[in-house]
Every structure is written in structure tokens, then in C-alpha cells.
C-alpha atoms as a PDB file:
ATOM      1  CA  MET A   1     126.053 107.477 112.520  1.00  0.00           C
ATOM      2  CA  GLY A   2     129.334 108.085 110.754  1.00  0.00           C
ATOM      3  CA  VAL A   3     130.752 106.372 107.723  1.00  0.00           C
ATOM      4  CA  ILE A   4     133.197 103.633 108.675  1.00  0.00           C
ATOM      5  CA  GLU A   5     135.170 101.694 106.131  1.00  0.00           C
ATOM      6  CA  PHE A   6     137.164  98.526 106.553  1.00  0.00           C
ATOM      7  CA  PRO A   7     139.006  96.392 103.987  1.00  0.00           C
ATOM      8  CA  SER A   8     136.670  94.046 102.172  1.00  0.00           C
ATOM      9  CA  GLY A   9     139.431  91.435 102.099  1.00  0.00           C
ATOM     10  CA  ARG A  10     138.755  90.854 105.777  1.00  0.00           C
ATOM     11  CA  THR A  11     135.237  89.659 104.984  1.00  0.00           C
ATOM     12  CA  VAL A  12     135.423  88.304 101.466  1.00  0.00           C
ATOM     13  CA  LEU A  13     132.318  86.292 100.614  1.00  0.00           C
ATOM     14  CA  ALA A  14     132.830  84.995  97.099  1.00  0.00           C
ATOM     15  CA  GLN A  15     134.967  81.954  97.890  1.00  0.00           C
ATOM     16  CA  GLN A  16     133.419  81.146 101.287  1.00  0.00           C
ATOM     17  CA  PRO A  17     130.970  78.213 101.504  1.00  0.00           C
ATOM     18  CA  LEU A  18     127.583  79.138 102.911  1.00  0.00           C
ATOM     19  CA  SER A  19     127.782  76.214 105.339  1.00  0.00           C
ATOM     20  CA  GLN A  20     130.463  78.148 107.213  1.00  0.00           C
ATOM     21  CA  TYR A  21     127.804  80.639 108.228  1.00  0.00           C
ATOM     22  CA  GLU A  22     124.868  78.336 108.917  1.00  0.00           C
ATOM     23  CA  ILE A  23     122.929  79.203 112.057  1.00  0.00           C
ATOM     24  CA  ALA A  24     122.407  76.192 114.287  1.00  0.00           C
ATOM     25  CA  ASP A  25     118.907  76.823 115.637  1.00  0.00           C
ATOM     26  CA  ASN A  26     117.148  74.254 113.414  1.00  0.00           C
ATOM     27  CA  LEU A  27     114.842  76.817 111.802  1.00  0.00           C
ATOM     28  CA  PRO A  28     114.725  77.796 108.126  1.00  0.00           C
ATOM     29  CA  GLY A  29     116.417  80.961 106.918  1.00  0.00           C
ATOM     30  CA  VAL A  30     114.211  84.045 106.884  1.00  0.00           C
ATOM     31  CA  PRO A  31     114.196  85.249 103.268  1.00  0.00           C
ATOM     32  CA  VAL A  32     115.539  88.581 102.098  1.00  0.00           C
ATOM     33  CA  LEU A  33     114.211  90.822  99.329  1.00  0.00           C
ATOM     34  CA  PRO A  34     116.271  90.361  96.129  1.00  0.00           C
ATOM     35  CA  GLU A  35     116.959  94.102  95.922  1.00  0.00           C
ATOM     36  CA  THR A  36     118.351  94.078  99.457  1.00  0.00           C
ATOM     37  CA  LEU A  37     120.692  91.238  98.627  1.00  0.00           C
ATOM     38  CA  LEU A  38     121.850  93.131  95.530  1.00  0.00           C
ATOM     39  CA  LYS A  39     122.603  96.259  97.585  1.00  0.00           C
ATOM     40  CA  MET A  40     124.630  94.177 100.011  1.00  0.00           C
ATOM     41  CA  GLU A  41     126.521  92.388  97.246  1.00  0.00           C
ATOM     42  CA  LEU A  42     127.351  95.654  95.471  1.00  0.00           C
ATOM     43  CA  GLN A  43     129.311  96.766  98.523  1.00  0.00           C
ATOM     44  CA  PHE A  44     131.932  94.159  97.631  1.00  0.00           C
ATOM     45  CA  GLN A  45     132.625  95.611  94.190  1.00  0.00           C
ATOM     46  CA  GLY A  46     135.126  98.148  95.520  1.00  0.00           C
ATOM     47  CA  SER A  47     138.297  97.855  97.569  1.00  0.00           C
ATOM     48  CA  SER A  48     136.455  98.485 100.830  1.00  0.00           C
ATOM     49  CA  VAL A  49     133.016  97.995 102.309  1.00  0.00           C
ATOM     50  CA  ASP A  50     131.123 101.023 103.581  1.00  0.00           C
ATOM     51  CA  LEU A  51     129.765  99.855 106.945  1.00  0.00           C
ATOM     52  CA  ARG A  52     127.133 102.582 106.980  1.00  0.00           C
ATOM     53  CA  GLY A  53     125.757 101.720 103.546  1.00  0.00           C
ATOM     54  CA  PHE A  54     125.885  97.985 104.241  1.00  0.00           C
ATOM     55  CA  SER A  55     124.095  98.424 107.579  1.00  0.00           C
ATOM     56  CA  GLU A  56     121.389 100.595 106.009  1.00  0.00           C
ATOM     57  CA  ALA A  57     120.737  97.877 103.435  1.00  0.00           C
ATOM     58  CA  VAL A  58     120.375  95.269 106.190  1.00  0.00           C
ATOM     59  CA  LEU A  59     118.114  97.471 108.321  1.00  0.00           C
ATOM     60  CA  SER A  60     115.816  98.162 105.370  1.00  0.00           C
ATOM     61  CA  ASP A  61     114.884  94.478 105.250  1.00  0.00           C
ATOM     62  CA  LEU A  62     113.182  92.392 107.943  1.00  0.00           C
ATOM     63  CA  GLY A  63     114.761  89.142 106.745  1.00  0.00           C
ATOM     64  CA  ALA A  64     118.296  90.503 106.498  1.00  0.00           C
ATOM     65  CA  THR A  65     118.063  92.040 109.965  1.00  0.00           C
ATOM     66  CA  ILE A  66     116.810  88.793 111.492  1.00  0.00           C
ATOM     67  CA  GLN A  67     119.536  86.775 109.796  1.00  0.00           C
ATOM     68  CA  VAL A  68     122.281  89.081 111.115  1.00  0.00           C
ATOM     69  CA  LEU A  69     120.807  89.001 114.629  1.00  0.00           C
ATOM     70  CA  ARG A  70     120.552  85.205 114.452  1.00  0.00           C
ATOM     71  CA  LEU A  71     124.185  84.991 113.416  1.00  0.00           C
ATOM     72  CA  ALA A  72     125.192  87.275 116.301  1.00  0.00           C
ATOM     73  CA  GLY A  73     123.092  85.235 118.723  1.00  0.00           C
ATOM     74  CA  HIS A  74     124.739  82.025 117.557  1.00  0.00           C
ATOM     75  CA  GLU A  75     128.185  83.572 117.880  1.00  0.00           C
ATOM     76  CA  TYR A  76     127.832  85.442 121.167  1.00  0.00           C
ATOM     77  CA  GLY A  77     124.807  83.929 122.911  1.00  0.00           C
ATOM     78  CA  SER A  78     123.593  86.026 125.836  1.00  0.00           C
ATOM     79  CA  ALA A  79     126.990  87.455 126.743  1.00  0.00           C
ATOM     80  CA  ASP A  80     126.828  90.891 128.383  1.00  0.00           C
ATOM     81  CA  ASP A  81     129.269  92.334 125.880  1.00  0.00           C
ATOM     82  CA  ARG A  82     127.532  90.980 122.778  1.00  0.00           C
ATOM     83  CA  PRO A  83     126.989  93.555 120.019  1.00  0.00           C
ATOM     84  CA  VAL A  84     123.442  94.898 119.893  1.00  0.00           C
ATOM     85  CA  ARG A  85     123.366  97.498 117.129  1.00  0.00           C
ATOM     86  CA  ILE A  86     123.273  96.021 113.632  1.00  0.00           C
ATOM     87  CA  GLU A  87     126.298  98.117 112.685  1.00  0.00           C
ATOM     88  CA  ASP A  88     128.268  96.598 115.566  1.00  0.00           C
ATOM     89  CA  CYS A  89     127.135  93.078 114.685  1.00  0.00           C
ATOM     90  CA  ILE A  90     128.330  93.544 111.110  1.00  0.00           C
ATOM     91  CA  SER A  91     131.621  95.078 112.231  1.00  0.00           C
ATOM     92  CA  ASP A  92     132.327  92.221 114.655  1.00  0.00           C
ATOM     93  CA  LEU A  93     131.073  89.322 112.527  1.00  0.00           C
ATOM     94  CA  GLY A  94     132.301  90.642 109.184  1.00  0.00           C
ATOM     95  CA  ALA A  95     130.243  91.857 106.250  1.00  0.00           C
ATOM     96  CA  GLY A  96     130.939  88.665 104.311  1.00  0.00           C
ATOM     97  CA  ALA A  97     129.521  86.450 107.034  1.00  0.00           C
ATOM     98  CA  CYS A  98     126.435  88.662 107.311  1.00  0.00           C
ATOM     99  CA  LEU A  99     125.912  88.638 103.553  1.00  0.00           C
ATOM    100  CA  ALA A 100     126.182  84.855 103.488  1.00  0.00           C
ATOM    101  CA  ALA A 101     123.607  84.551 106.274  1.00  0.00           C
ATOM    102  CA  ALA A 102     121.252  86.889 104.414  1.00  0.00           C
ATOM    103  CA  ALA A 103     121.759  85.016 101.155  1.00  0.00           C
ATOM    104  CA  ASN A 104     120.415  81.827 102.749  1.00  0.00           C
ATOM    105  CA  ALA A 105     116.989  82.511 101.190  1.00  0.00           C
ATOM    106  CA  THR A 106     115.321  85.161  99.025  1.00  0.00           C
ATOM    107  CA  LEU A 107     111.675  85.948  98.439  1.00  0.00           C
ATOM    108  CA  ALA A 108     110.554  84.380  95.177  1.00  0.00           C
ATOM    109  CA  GLY A 109     107.347  84.916  93.199  1.00  0.00           C
ATOM    110  CA  GLY A 110     103.849  83.695  94.014  1.00  0.00           C
ATOM    111  CA  ALA A 111     101.009  84.567  96.355  1.00  0.00           C
ATOM    112  CA  ARG A 112     103.002  83.744  99.503  1.00  0.00           C
ATOM    113  CA  SER A 113     105.788  86.044  98.326  1.00  0.00           C
ATOM    114  CA  ARG A 114     103.350  88.916  97.733  1.00  0.00           C
ATOM    115  CA  THR A 115     102.041  88.527 101.276  1.00  0.00           C
ATOM    116  CA  SER A 116     105.609  88.472 102.580  1.00  0.00           C
ATOM    117  CA  VAL A 117     106.617  91.583 100.639  1.00  0.00           C
ATOM    118  CA  GLU A 118     103.600  93.465 102.019  1.00  0.00           C
ATOM    119  CA  PHE A 119     104.440  92.319 105.534  1.00  0.00           C
ATOM    120  CA  TRP A 120     108.111  93.290 105.091  1.00  0.00           C
ATOM    121  CA  ALA A 121     106.990  96.785 103.976  1.00  0.00           C
ATOM    122  CA  HIS A 122     104.605  97.111 106.931  1.00  0.00           C
ATOM    123  CA  CYS A 123     107.356  96.210 109.405  1.00  0.00           C
ATOM    124  CA  ARG A 124     109.740  98.694 107.808  1.00  0.00           C
ATOM    125  CA  GLU A 125     107.181 101.490 108.141  1.00  0.00           C
ATOM    126  CA  ILE A 126     106.465 100.680 111.793  1.00  0.00           C
ATOM    127  CA  ALA A 127     110.238 100.721 112.379  1.00  0.00           C
ATOM    128  CA  TYR A 128     110.457 104.187 110.806  1.00  0.00           C
ATOM    129  CA  PHE A 129     107.677 105.624 112.970  1.00  0.00           C
ATOM    130  CA  SER A 130     109.003 103.888 116.096  1.00  0.00           C
ATOM    131  CA  GLN A 131     112.404 105.490 115.633  1.00  0.00           C
ATOM    132  CA  LEU A 132     110.764 108.840 114.895  1.00  0.00           C
ATOM    133  CA  LEU A 133     108.793 108.651 118.136  1.00  0.00           C
ATOM    134  CA  ALA A 134     111.847 107.635 120.162  1.00  0.00           C
ATOM    135  CA  ASP A 135     113.683 110.676 118.783  1.00  0.00           C
ATOM    136  CA  GLU A 136     110.815 112.834 120.116  1.00  0.00           C
ATOM    137  CA  MET A 137     110.844 111.210 123.566  1.00  0.00           C
ATOM    138  CA  ALA A 138     114.033 112.833 124.891  1.00  0.00           C
ATOM    139  CA  GLY A 139     116.037 109.767 125.830  1.00  0.00           C
ATOM    140  CA  MET A 140     113.222 107.574 127.166  1.00  0.00           C
ATOM    141  CA  ILE A 141     113.917 104.903 124.538  1.00  0.00           C
ATOM    142  CA  ASN A 142     117.047 104.453 122.440  1.00  0.00           C
ATOM    143  CA  PRO A 143     116.037 105.311 118.824  1.00  0.00           C
ATOM    144  CA  ASP A 144     118.147 102.448 117.420  1.00  0.00           C
ATOM    145  CA  HIS A 145     116.426 100.029 119.791  1.00  0.00           C
ATOM    146  CA  ALA A 146     113.045 101.499 118.850  1.00  0.00           C
ATOM    147  CA  TYR A 147     113.747 100.933 115.152  1.00  0.00           C
ATOM    148  CA  LEU A 148     114.620  97.277 115.745  1.00  0.00           C
ATOM    149  CA  ALA A 149     111.577  96.739 117.962  1.00  0.00           C
ATOM    150  CA  GLY A 150     109.335  98.261 115.305  1.00  0.00           C
ATOM    151  CA  LEU A 151     110.923  96.264 112.502  1.00  0.00           C
ATOM    152  CA  LEU A 152     110.668  92.987 114.418  1.00  0.00           C
ATOM    153  CA  HIS A 153     107.339  93.603 116.163  1.00  0.00           C
ATOM    154  CA  GLY A 154     105.476  91.092 113.994  1.00  0.00           C
ATOM    155  CA  ILE A 155     107.940  88.198 113.886  1.00  0.00           C
ATOM    156  CA  GLY A 156     105.413  85.940 115.593  1.00  0.00           C
ATOM    157  CA  ALA A 157     103.554  85.843 112.266  1.00  0.00           C
ATOM    158  CA  ILE A 158     106.595  84.739 110.263  1.00  0.00           C
ATOM    159  CA  PRO A 159     106.115  80.949 110.620  1.00  0.00           C
ATOM    160  CA  THR A 160     102.568  81.267 109.238  1.00  0.00           C
ATOM    161  CA  ILE A 161     103.453  83.761 106.508  1.00  0.00           C
ATOM    162  CA  LEU A 162     106.365  81.648 105.278  1.00  0.00           C
ATOM    163  CA  GLY A 163     104.542  78.341 105.681  1.00  0.00           C
ATOM    164  CA  TRP A 164     106.945  76.765 108.134  1.00  0.00           C
ATOM    165  CA  LYS A 165     105.840  73.316 109.286  1.00  0.00           C
ATOM    166  CA  LEU A 166     106.822  73.476 112.935  1.00  0.00           C
ATOM    167  CA  ASP A 167     105.475  71.732 116.008  1.00  0.00           C
ATOM    168  CA  ASP A 168     107.614  73.583 118.547  1.00  0.00           C
ATOM    169  CA  ILE A 169     106.642  77.195 117.739  1.00  0.00           C
ATOM    170  CA  ALA A 170     103.441  78.469 119.352  1.00  0.00           C
ATOM    171  CA  GLY A 171     100.441  79.193 117.163  1.00  0.00           C
ATOM    172  CA  GLU A 172      99.615  82.354 119.136  1.00  0.00           C
ATOM    173  CA  GLU A 173     101.672  85.163 117.586  1.00  0.00           C
ATOM    174  CA  SER A 174     102.728  87.011 120.755  1.00  0.00           C
ATOM    175  CA  LEU A 175     104.010  83.807 122.342  1.00  0.00           C
ATOM    176  CA  SER A 176     105.583  82.719 119.056  1.00  0.00           C
ATOM    177  CA  ALA A 177     107.469  86.037 118.876  1.00  0.00           C
ATOM    178  CA  LEU A 178     108.918  85.595 122.350  1.00  0.00           C
ATOM    179  CA  MET A 179     109.851  81.975 121.631  1.00  0.00           C
ATOM    180  CA  LEU A 180     111.641  82.992 118.440  1.00  0.00           C
ATOM    181  CA  ALA A 181     113.461  85.822 120.218  1.00  0.00           C
ATOM    182  CA  GLU A 182     114.663  83.339 122.848  1.00  0.00           C
ATOM    183  CA  ARG A 183     115.582  80.679 120.314  1.00  0.00           C
ATOM    184  CA  TRP A 184     117.475  83.157 118.151  1.00  0.00           C
ATOM    185  CA  GLN A 185     119.141  84.673 121.246  1.00  0.00           C
ATOM    186  CA  PHE A 186     118.122  88.206 120.418  1.00  0.00           C
ATOM    187  CA  PRO A 187     119.422  91.102 122.567  1.00  0.00           C
ATOM    188  CA  LEU A 188     117.797  91.463 125.988  1.00  0.00           C
ATOM    189  CA  PHE A 189     115.831  94.607 125.130  1.00  0.00           C
ATOM    190  CA  LEU A 190     114.060  92.747 122.313  1.00  0.00           C
ATOM    191  CA  LYS A 191     113.214  89.836 124.603  1.00  0.00           C
ATOM    192  CA  ASP A 192     111.825  92.362 127.102  1.00  0.00           C
ATOM    193  CA  PHE A 193     109.746  93.907 124.330  1.00  0.00           C
ATOM    194  CA  PHE A 194     108.182  90.585 123.320  1.00  0.00           C
ATOM    195  CA  TYR A 195     107.660  89.595 126.956  1.00  0.00           C
ATOM    196  CA  GLU A 196     105.864  92.881 127.587  1.00  0.00           C
ATOM    197  CA  THR A 197     103.486  92.429 124.671  1.00  0.00           C
ATOM    198  CA  LEU A 198     102.636  88.969 125.990  1.00  0.00           C
ATOM    199  CA  THR A 199     102.135  89.850 129.669  1.00  0.00           C
ATOM    200  CA  PRO A 200      99.112  91.927 130.788  1.00  0.00           C
ATOM    201  CA  GLY A 201     100.011  94.486 133.439  1.00  0.00           C
ATOM    202  CA  HIS A 202     103.714  94.439 132.588  1.00  0.00           C
ATOM    203  CA  TYR A 203     105.400  97.832 132.187  1.00  0.00           C
ATOM    204  CA  SER A 204     104.075  99.042 128.840  1.00  0.00           C
ATOM    205  CA  ARG A 205     106.551 101.510 127.331  1.00  0.00           C
ATOM    206  CA  TRP A 206     107.246  99.306 124.306  1.00  0.00           C
ATOM    207  CA  SER A 207     103.576  98.512 123.703  1.00  0.00           C
ATOM    208  CA  LYS A 208     102.744 102.212 123.799  1.00  0.00           C
ATOM    209  CA  LEU A 209     105.485 103.057 121.329  1.00  0.00           C
ATOM    210  CA  ILE A 210     104.440 100.375 118.838  1.00  0.00           C
ATOM    211  CA  ALA A 211     100.758 101.246 119.204  1.00  0.00           C
ATOM    212  CA  ILE A 212     101.448 104.897 118.401  1.00  0.00           C
ATOM    213  CA  ALA A 213     103.606 103.859 115.444  1.00  0.00           C
ATOM    214  CA  HIS A 214     100.673 101.849 114.076  1.00  0.00           C
ATOM    215  CA  GLN A 215      98.344 104.811 114.438  1.00  0.00           C
ATOM    216  CA  LEU A 216     100.810 107.066 112.633  1.00  0.00           C
ATOM    217  CA  ALA A 217     101.077 104.491 109.854  1.00  0.00           C
ATOM    218  CA  LYS A 218      97.296 104.516 109.477  1.00  0.00           C
ATOM    219  CA  GLU A 219      97.216 108.316 109.474  1.00  0.00           C
ATOM    220  CA  SER A 220      99.825 108.280 106.705  1.00  0.00           C
ATOM    221  CA  GLY A 221      97.438 106.192 104.601  1.00  0.00           C
ATOM    222  CA  THR A 222      98.974 102.757 105.141  1.00  0.00           C
ATOM    223  CA  GLN A 223      96.626  99.842 105.762  1.00  0.00           C
ATOM    224  CA  CYS A 224      98.013  97.971 108.760  1.00  0.00           C
ATOM    225  CA  SER A 225      98.338  94.247 108.093  1.00  0.00           C
ATOM    226  CA  LEU A 226      98.158  93.332 111.791  1.00  0.00           C
ATOM    227  CA  ASP A 227      95.099  93.106 114.015  1.00  0.00           C
ATOM    228  CA  ALA A 228      94.942  96.410 115.908  1.00  0.00           C
ATOM    229  CA  SER A 229      93.463  94.633 118.923  1.00  0.00           C
ATOM    230  CA  ALA A 230      96.762  92.811 119.373  1.00  0.00           C
ATOM    231  CA  VAL A 231      98.405  96.095 120.404  1.00  0.00           C
ATOM    232  CA  ARG A 232      97.426  97.104 123.928  1.00  0.00           C
ATOM    233  CA  SER A 233      95.690 100.447 124.487  1.00  0.00           C
ATOM    234  CA  PHE A 234      97.296 103.314 126.358  1.00  0.00           C
ATOM    235  CA  GLU A 235      96.497 106.740 127.744  1.00  0.00           C
ATOM    236  CA  TRP A 236      98.823 109.062 125.825  1.00  0.00           C
ATOM    237  CA  ILE A 237      97.547 108.587 122.279  1.00  0.00           C
ATOM    238  CA  GLY A 238      97.178 112.361 121.928  1.00  0.00           C
ATOM    239  CA  LYS A 239     100.922 112.601 121.417  1.00  0.00           C
ATOM    240  CA  THR A 240     100.514 111.126 117.919  1.00  0.00           C
ATOM    241  CA  SER A 241      98.835 114.213 116.481  1.00  0.00           C
ATOM    242  CA  ALA A 242     101.750 116.470 117.345  1.00  0.00           C
ATOM    243  CA  VAL A 243     104.327 114.084 115.913  1.00  0.00           C
ATOM    244  CA  ALA A 244     102.312 113.445 112.731  1.00  0.00           C
ATOM    245  CA  THR A 245     101.848 117.193 112.184  1.00  0.00           C
ATOM    246  CA  LYS A 246     105.566 117.879 112.527  1.00  0.00           C
ATOM    247  CA  HIS A 247     106.484 115.192 109.976  1.00  0.00           C
END
């Protein structure tokens, strides 16, 4: 991914009201880590915004990524030509609009925040290993798509983790994830991913990828915060040893 710059004046945030960027899906904002928000805000200190650096800040944070995807879903719906990559979403929507969407909520202190921070870190690690595996799979899965699937794989737990009081989101996490993906109008490949994890017997390439990523995370010494039984088993687990040894 190259470095692309565009004038920050095109997406100035400071004087824009947050209501201009509200996402009309009737769900609360997904909070962002304070350090992520700071990295995003610092991009506006110069005369131009580095799209690469701004995108990396967004992709390092589960909340920021969700907020940008929600904004894109609200703007473009399910159009065939909607941007899918986070970099393209930011370029089309404007960095200022994406920053405003991310600034809707930040993780504060307290026990719930500690749980959220741990979950955010877990999702980021699964995203890293998912992209790593996709790079090793010679074009079977787009590495950028794999990163997003890994980062968002646990969104069905978000309503519980954040304490949302909702009657219209399923209590079962796999179904909740698919419902959120539909409600937020996520890209089709993400909807397919959540549908696959919910449907026994459905083509299982995404489930296999995420399951291997979880095993690699465990081998790296990370305690997985999700129930391992929620990830379907598969026959090519032996591939993990080779990948883990190389990295």
C-alpha cells in the first residue's frame, strides 16, 4: 500500500458538527481507544493528511474500523461500487468525516472498559494472524479482507461487552454478528463470513482461516477471550505449525 496524500482542507473536522456525521442505524457508537483517536487527530496538524497513516490508525482499532464501515454503509448502502477497503472508504468519505464518526465515543475507565480493551486487543491479534495466513495462501483469500474478517470476527459480543440495552439484537453471538453486519450494511464478503459461521455445512473457508488464527494466537502465548468451541473444526490444522515456525 503506497502513501497517498490529499489536502486536509477537503476534510477539515474542527468546525464540523458531529451531527453531520451521525449514522442512522439507531445503535450507539462503538467506542474507540483514546490513543487511536489521538493518532487520527494528529494527522490534521499538518497541511495534508497521510491516507496510509490515517488508515493504519483506523485499522488498529476495532471501534474505529466499525465506525468507518458504518459510515460507508450509511452513505453507499449495498451498491456494487461501494468502497470496501478502509483506505478507499476514508478516501471517498473524507478523513474528517471518518474522524468525527470515530470520535462519537471513546473507551473510558472502569471494569467494563478493561474488558473492552482486552477484547479490542484480541480482535487486533486475530486480524494480524488472519492476514498473515491469507498472505501464505496464494490468492485464496484477499489479505485485506482477511484482516477485516479477523478484526470483526467477534462483533456479536459487542452488545454484551458494552452493555447495550437492546431488544432487537439476538442474544446468540453468531446470529448477533450477522444481524449487526446486515444492519450496518457491511461489505458482502463480511456478511458471507458471518453467515458461514452461523450455518452448519456452509462452505467453510472463512471459519478455517479464523480457527487457525486463534490457534496461532494461543501458540504465541495469548489467552483467547472467545470460546474455542464457537469456531468450527477443520481438517487442515497442520498448516498452522509451518506458518508459526516461519514467523
